[in-house]
């Protein structure tokens, strides 16, 4: 009889992991933390990027379709 797999939900990332998860650079992640666009906590000198905040930031970014529509609207194309 096998035991059920335990899934641990990650609640924070270090900047490298956050960069890998989003495709952004580590430098950009650190800048977003400094600008308070992504929440983080600190343990000594370690930066712990809040996973929920990172997800919210990602979901707030426009999709390609939104960008295309905005560009077309700015050009006067319907």
N, C-alpha and C. Protein backbone atom coordinates (compact mmCIF):
# COMPACT_ATOMS: atom_id res chain seq x y z
N UNK A 1 0.84 -1.17 0.00
CA UNK A 1 0.00 0.00 0.00
C UNK A 1 0.89 1.23 0.00
N UNK A 2 0.64 2.13 -0.94
CA UNK A 2 1.47 3.34 -1.02
C UNK A 2 0.86 4.46 -0.20
N UNK A 3 1.72 5.33 0.27
CA UNK A 3 1.24 6.48 1.03
C UNK A 3 0.98 7.63 0.07
N UNK A 4 -0.02 8.44 0.37
CA UNK A 4 -0.31 9.56 -0.53
C UNK A 4 0.84 10.55 -0.55
N UNK A 5 1.09 11.11 -1.72
CA UNK A 5 2.17 12.09 -1.87
C UNK A 5 1.78 13.37 -1.14
N UNK A 6 2.73 13.90 -0.43
CA UNK A 6 2.50 15.15 0.28
C UNK A 6 2.98 16.28 -0.60
N UNK A 7 2.08 17.23 -0.85
CA UNK A 7 2.44 18.38 -1.67
C UNK A 7 2.65 19.58 -0.75
N UNK A 8 3.83 20.14 -0.78
CA UNK A 8 4.14 21.32 0.01
C UNK A 8 4.09 22.52 -0.93
N UNK A 9 3.23 23.47 -0.61
CA UNK A 9 3.11 24.67 -1.43
C UNK A 9 4.21 25.64 -1.04
N UNK A 10 4.96 26.08 -2.02
CA UNK A 10 6.05 27.01 -1.78
C UNK A 10 5.46 28.38 -1.47
N UNK A 11 5.89 29.00 -0.37
CA UNK A 11 5.34 30.29 0.03
C UNK A 11 6.29 31.44 -0.27
N UNK A 12 7.55 31.13 -0.58
CA UNK A 12 8.49 32.18 -0.93
C UNK A 12 9.56 31.64 -1.86
N UNK A 13 10.22 32.57 -2.53
CA UNK A 13 11.32 32.26 -3.44
C UNK A 13 12.50 33.15 -3.10
N UNK A 14 13.70 32.65 -3.34
CA UNK A 14 14.83 33.57 -3.32
C UNK A 14 14.81 34.29 -4.68
N UNK A 15 15.54 35.39 -4.83
CA UNK A 15 15.46 36.13 -6.10
C UNK A 15 15.80 35.29 -7.34
N UNK A 16 16.74 34.37 -7.22
CA UNK A 16 17.08 33.51 -8.37
C UNK A 16 15.90 32.63 -8.76
N UNK A 17 15.26 32.02 -7.76
CA UNK A 17 14.10 31.17 -8.03
C UNK A 17 12.95 31.99 -8.62
N UNK A 18 12.73 33.20 -8.09
CA UNK A 18 11.66 34.06 -8.61
C UNK A 18 11.95 34.43 -10.06
N UNK A 19 13.21 34.68 -10.37
CA UNK A 19 13.60 34.99 -11.75
C UNK A 19 13.33 33.80 -12.66
N UNK A 20 13.70 32.61 -12.21
CA UNK A 20 13.47 31.40 -13.01
C UNK A 20 11.98 31.15 -13.20
N UNK A 21 11.19 31.41 -12.17
CA UNK A 21 9.75 31.15 -12.24
C UNK A 21 9.05 32.10 -13.20
N UNK A 22 9.55 33.33 -13.33
CA UNK A 22 8.88 34.33 -14.16
C UNK A 22 9.53 34.54 -15.52
N UNK A 23 10.78 34.18 -15.66
CA UNK A 23 11.50 34.47 -16.89
C UNK A 23 12.13 35.85 -16.88
N UNK A 24 11.99 36.56 -15.78
CA UNK A 24 12.64 37.86 -15.62
C UNK A 24 14.05 37.66 -15.10
N UNK A 25 14.86 38.69 -15.13
CA UNK A 25 16.21 38.57 -14.60
C UNK A 25 16.18 38.73 -13.08
N UNK A 26 17.19 38.22 -12.43
CA UNK A 26 17.32 38.37 -10.98
C UNK A 26 17.42 39.86 -10.63
N UNK A 27 18.13 40.62 -11.45
CA UNK A 27 18.25 42.07 -11.23
C UNK A 27 16.87 42.72 -11.25
N UNK A 28 16.02 42.34 -12.18
CA UNK A 28 14.67 42.90 -12.28
C UNK A 28 13.85 42.52 -11.06
N UNK A 29 13.95 41.28 -10.61
CA UNK A 29 13.22 40.85 -9.40
C UNK A 29 13.64 41.70 -8.21
N UNK A 30 14.94 41.89 -8.03
CA UNK A 30 15.43 42.71 -6.91
C UNK A 30 14.93 44.15 -7.02
N UNK A 31 14.89 44.69 -8.25
CA UNK A 31 14.39 46.06 -8.46
C UNK A 31 12.91 46.14 -8.11
N UNK A 32 12.13 45.15 -8.54
CA UNK A 32 10.70 45.14 -8.24
C UNK A 32 10.45 45.07 -6.73
N UNK A 33 11.30 44.34 -6.03
CA UNK A 33 11.19 44.28 -4.56
C UNK A 33 11.51 45.65 -3.97
N UNK A 34 12.60 46.29 -4.43
CA UNK A 34 12.97 47.62 -3.92
C UNK A 34 11.87 48.64 -4.19
N UNK A 35 11.20 48.53 -5.33
CA UNK A 35 10.13 49.45 -5.71
C UNK A 35 8.78 49.07 -5.08
N UNK A 36 8.78 48.06 -4.23
CA UNK A 36 7.56 47.58 -3.56
C UNK A 36 6.49 47.12 -4.54
N UNK A 37 6.88 46.64 -5.70
CA UNK A 37 5.93 46.08 -6.66
C UNK A 37 5.72 44.59 -6.41
N UNK A 38 6.67 43.98 -5.71
CA UNK A 38 6.58 42.58 -5.28
C UNK A 38 6.95 42.56 -3.80
N UNK A 39 6.14 41.91 -3.00
CA UNK A 39 6.39 41.84 -1.56
C UNK A 39 7.52 40.86 -1.26
N UNK A 40 8.30 41.21 -0.26
CA UNK A 40 9.39 40.33 0.19
C UNK A 40 9.54 40.46 1.69
N UNK A 41 10.15 39.47 2.26
CA UNK A 41 10.51 39.47 3.68
C UNK A 41 12.00 39.20 3.73
N UNK A 42 12.56 39.47 4.87
CA UNK A 42 14.01 39.34 5.01
C UNK A 42 14.35 38.47 6.22
N UNK A 43 15.28 37.56 6.01
CA UNK A 43 15.81 36.74 7.09
C UNK A 43 17.31 36.98 7.06
N UNK A 44 17.76 37.85 7.94
CA UNK A 44 19.16 38.28 7.88
C UNK A 44 19.37 39.01 6.56
N UNK A 45 20.33 38.56 5.79
CA UNK A 45 20.58 39.19 4.49
C UNK A 45 19.85 38.48 3.35
N UNK A 46 19.08 37.45 3.68
CA UNK A 46 18.35 36.71 2.65
C UNK A 46 17.03 37.39 2.31
N UNK A 47 16.77 37.52 1.02
CA UNK A 47 15.52 38.08 0.53
C UNK A 47 14.59 36.92 0.21
N UNK A 48 13.38 36.95 0.75
CA UNK A 48 12.38 35.92 0.50
C UNK A 48 11.21 36.58 -0.22
N UNK A 49 11.09 36.34 -1.50
CA UNK A 49 10.03 36.94 -2.33
C UNK A 49 8.74 36.17 -2.08
N UNK A 50 7.69 36.90 -1.75
CA UNK A 50 6.39 36.32 -1.46
C UNK A 50 5.79 35.70 -2.73
N UNK A 51 5.46 34.43 -2.68
CA UNK A 51 4.96 33.71 -3.85
C UNK A 51 3.63 34.28 -4.34
N UNK A 52 2.72 34.61 -3.44
CA UNK A 52 1.42 35.15 -3.85
C UNK A 52 1.58 36.51 -4.52
N UNK A 53 2.47 37.33 -3.97
CA UNK A 53 2.73 38.64 -4.56
C UNK A 53 3.33 38.51 -5.95
N UNK A 54 4.24 37.55 -6.11
CA UNK A 54 4.86 37.30 -7.40
C UNK A 54 3.80 36.86 -8.42
N UNK A 55 2.88 36.01 -8.00
CA UNK A 55 1.80 35.55 -8.88
C UNK A 55 0.89 36.71 -9.26
N UNK A 56 0.53 37.56 -8.28
CA UNK A 56 -0.32 38.72 -8.57
C UNK A 56 0.36 39.66 -9.56
N UNK A 57 1.65 39.90 -9.37
CA UNK A 57 2.39 40.77 -10.28
C UNK A 57 2.36 40.19 -11.69
N UNK A 58 2.65 38.90 -11.80
CA UNK A 58 2.65 38.24 -13.11
C UNK A 58 1.30 38.37 -13.79
N UNK A 59 0.23 38.12 -13.05
CA UNK A 59 -1.12 38.17 -13.63
C UNK A 59 -1.54 39.59 -13.99
N UNK A 60 -0.89 40.59 -13.41
CA UNK A 60 -1.23 41.98 -13.71
C UNK A 60 -0.60 42.45 -15.03
N UNK A 61 0.36 41.68 -15.54
CA UNK A 61 1.02 42.06 -16.78
C UNK A 61 0.08 41.85 -17.96
N UNK A 62 0.16 42.72 -18.96
CA UNK A 62 -0.74 42.57 -20.10
C UNK A 62 -0.37 41.35 -20.94
N UNK A 63 -1.41 40.77 -21.54
CA UNK A 63 -1.16 39.68 -22.47
C UNK A 63 -0.77 40.28 -23.81
N UNK A 64 -0.25 39.48 -24.70
CA UNK A 64 0.14 39.95 -26.02
C UNK A 64 -1.07 40.56 -26.74
N UNK A 65 -2.22 39.95 -26.58
CA UNK A 65 -3.44 40.44 -27.23
C UNK A 65 -3.76 41.85 -26.75
N UNK A 66 -3.63 42.10 -25.44
CA UNK A 66 -3.92 43.42 -24.91
C UNK A 66 -2.97 44.45 -25.51
N UNK A 67 -1.72 44.11 -25.64
CA UNK A 67 -0.74 45.02 -26.21
C UNK A 67 -1.07 45.29 -27.66
N UNK A 68 -1.40 44.24 -28.43
CA UNK A 68 -1.77 44.42 -29.84
C UNK A 68 -2.97 45.35 -29.99
N UNK A 69 -3.99 45.16 -29.14
CA UNK A 69 -5.20 46.00 -29.20
C UNK A 69 -4.86 47.45 -28.89
N UNK A 70 -4.03 47.66 -27.86
CA UNK A 70 -3.68 49.03 -27.49
C UNK A 70 -2.86 49.70 -28.58
N UNK A 71 -1.94 48.98 -29.19
CA UNK A 71 -1.15 49.54 -30.29
C UNK A 71 -2.05 49.89 -31.47
N UNK A 72 -2.98 49.00 -31.80
CA UNK A 72 -3.89 49.25 -32.92
C UNK A 72 -4.77 50.45 -32.61
N UNK A 73 -5.24 50.57 -31.38
CA UNK A 73 -6.09 51.69 -31.00
C UNK A 73 -5.31 53.01 -31.10
N UNK A 74 -4.03 52.97 -30.74
CA UNK A 74 -3.21 54.17 -30.81
C UNK A 74 -2.94 54.57 -32.25
N UNK A 75 -2.93 53.60 -33.15
CA UNK A 75 -2.72 53.89 -34.58
C UNK A 75 -4.01 54.24 -35.28
N UNK A 76 -5.14 54.04 -34.61
CA UNK A 76 -6.44 54.31 -35.23
C UNK A 76 -6.94 53.17 -36.07
N UNK A 77 -6.38 51.96 -35.86
CA UNK A 77 -6.79 50.78 -36.60
C UNK A 77 -7.85 50.06 -35.79
N UNK A 78 -8.92 49.64 -36.42
CA UNK A 78 -10.00 48.96 -35.69
C UNK A 78 -9.77 47.48 -35.59
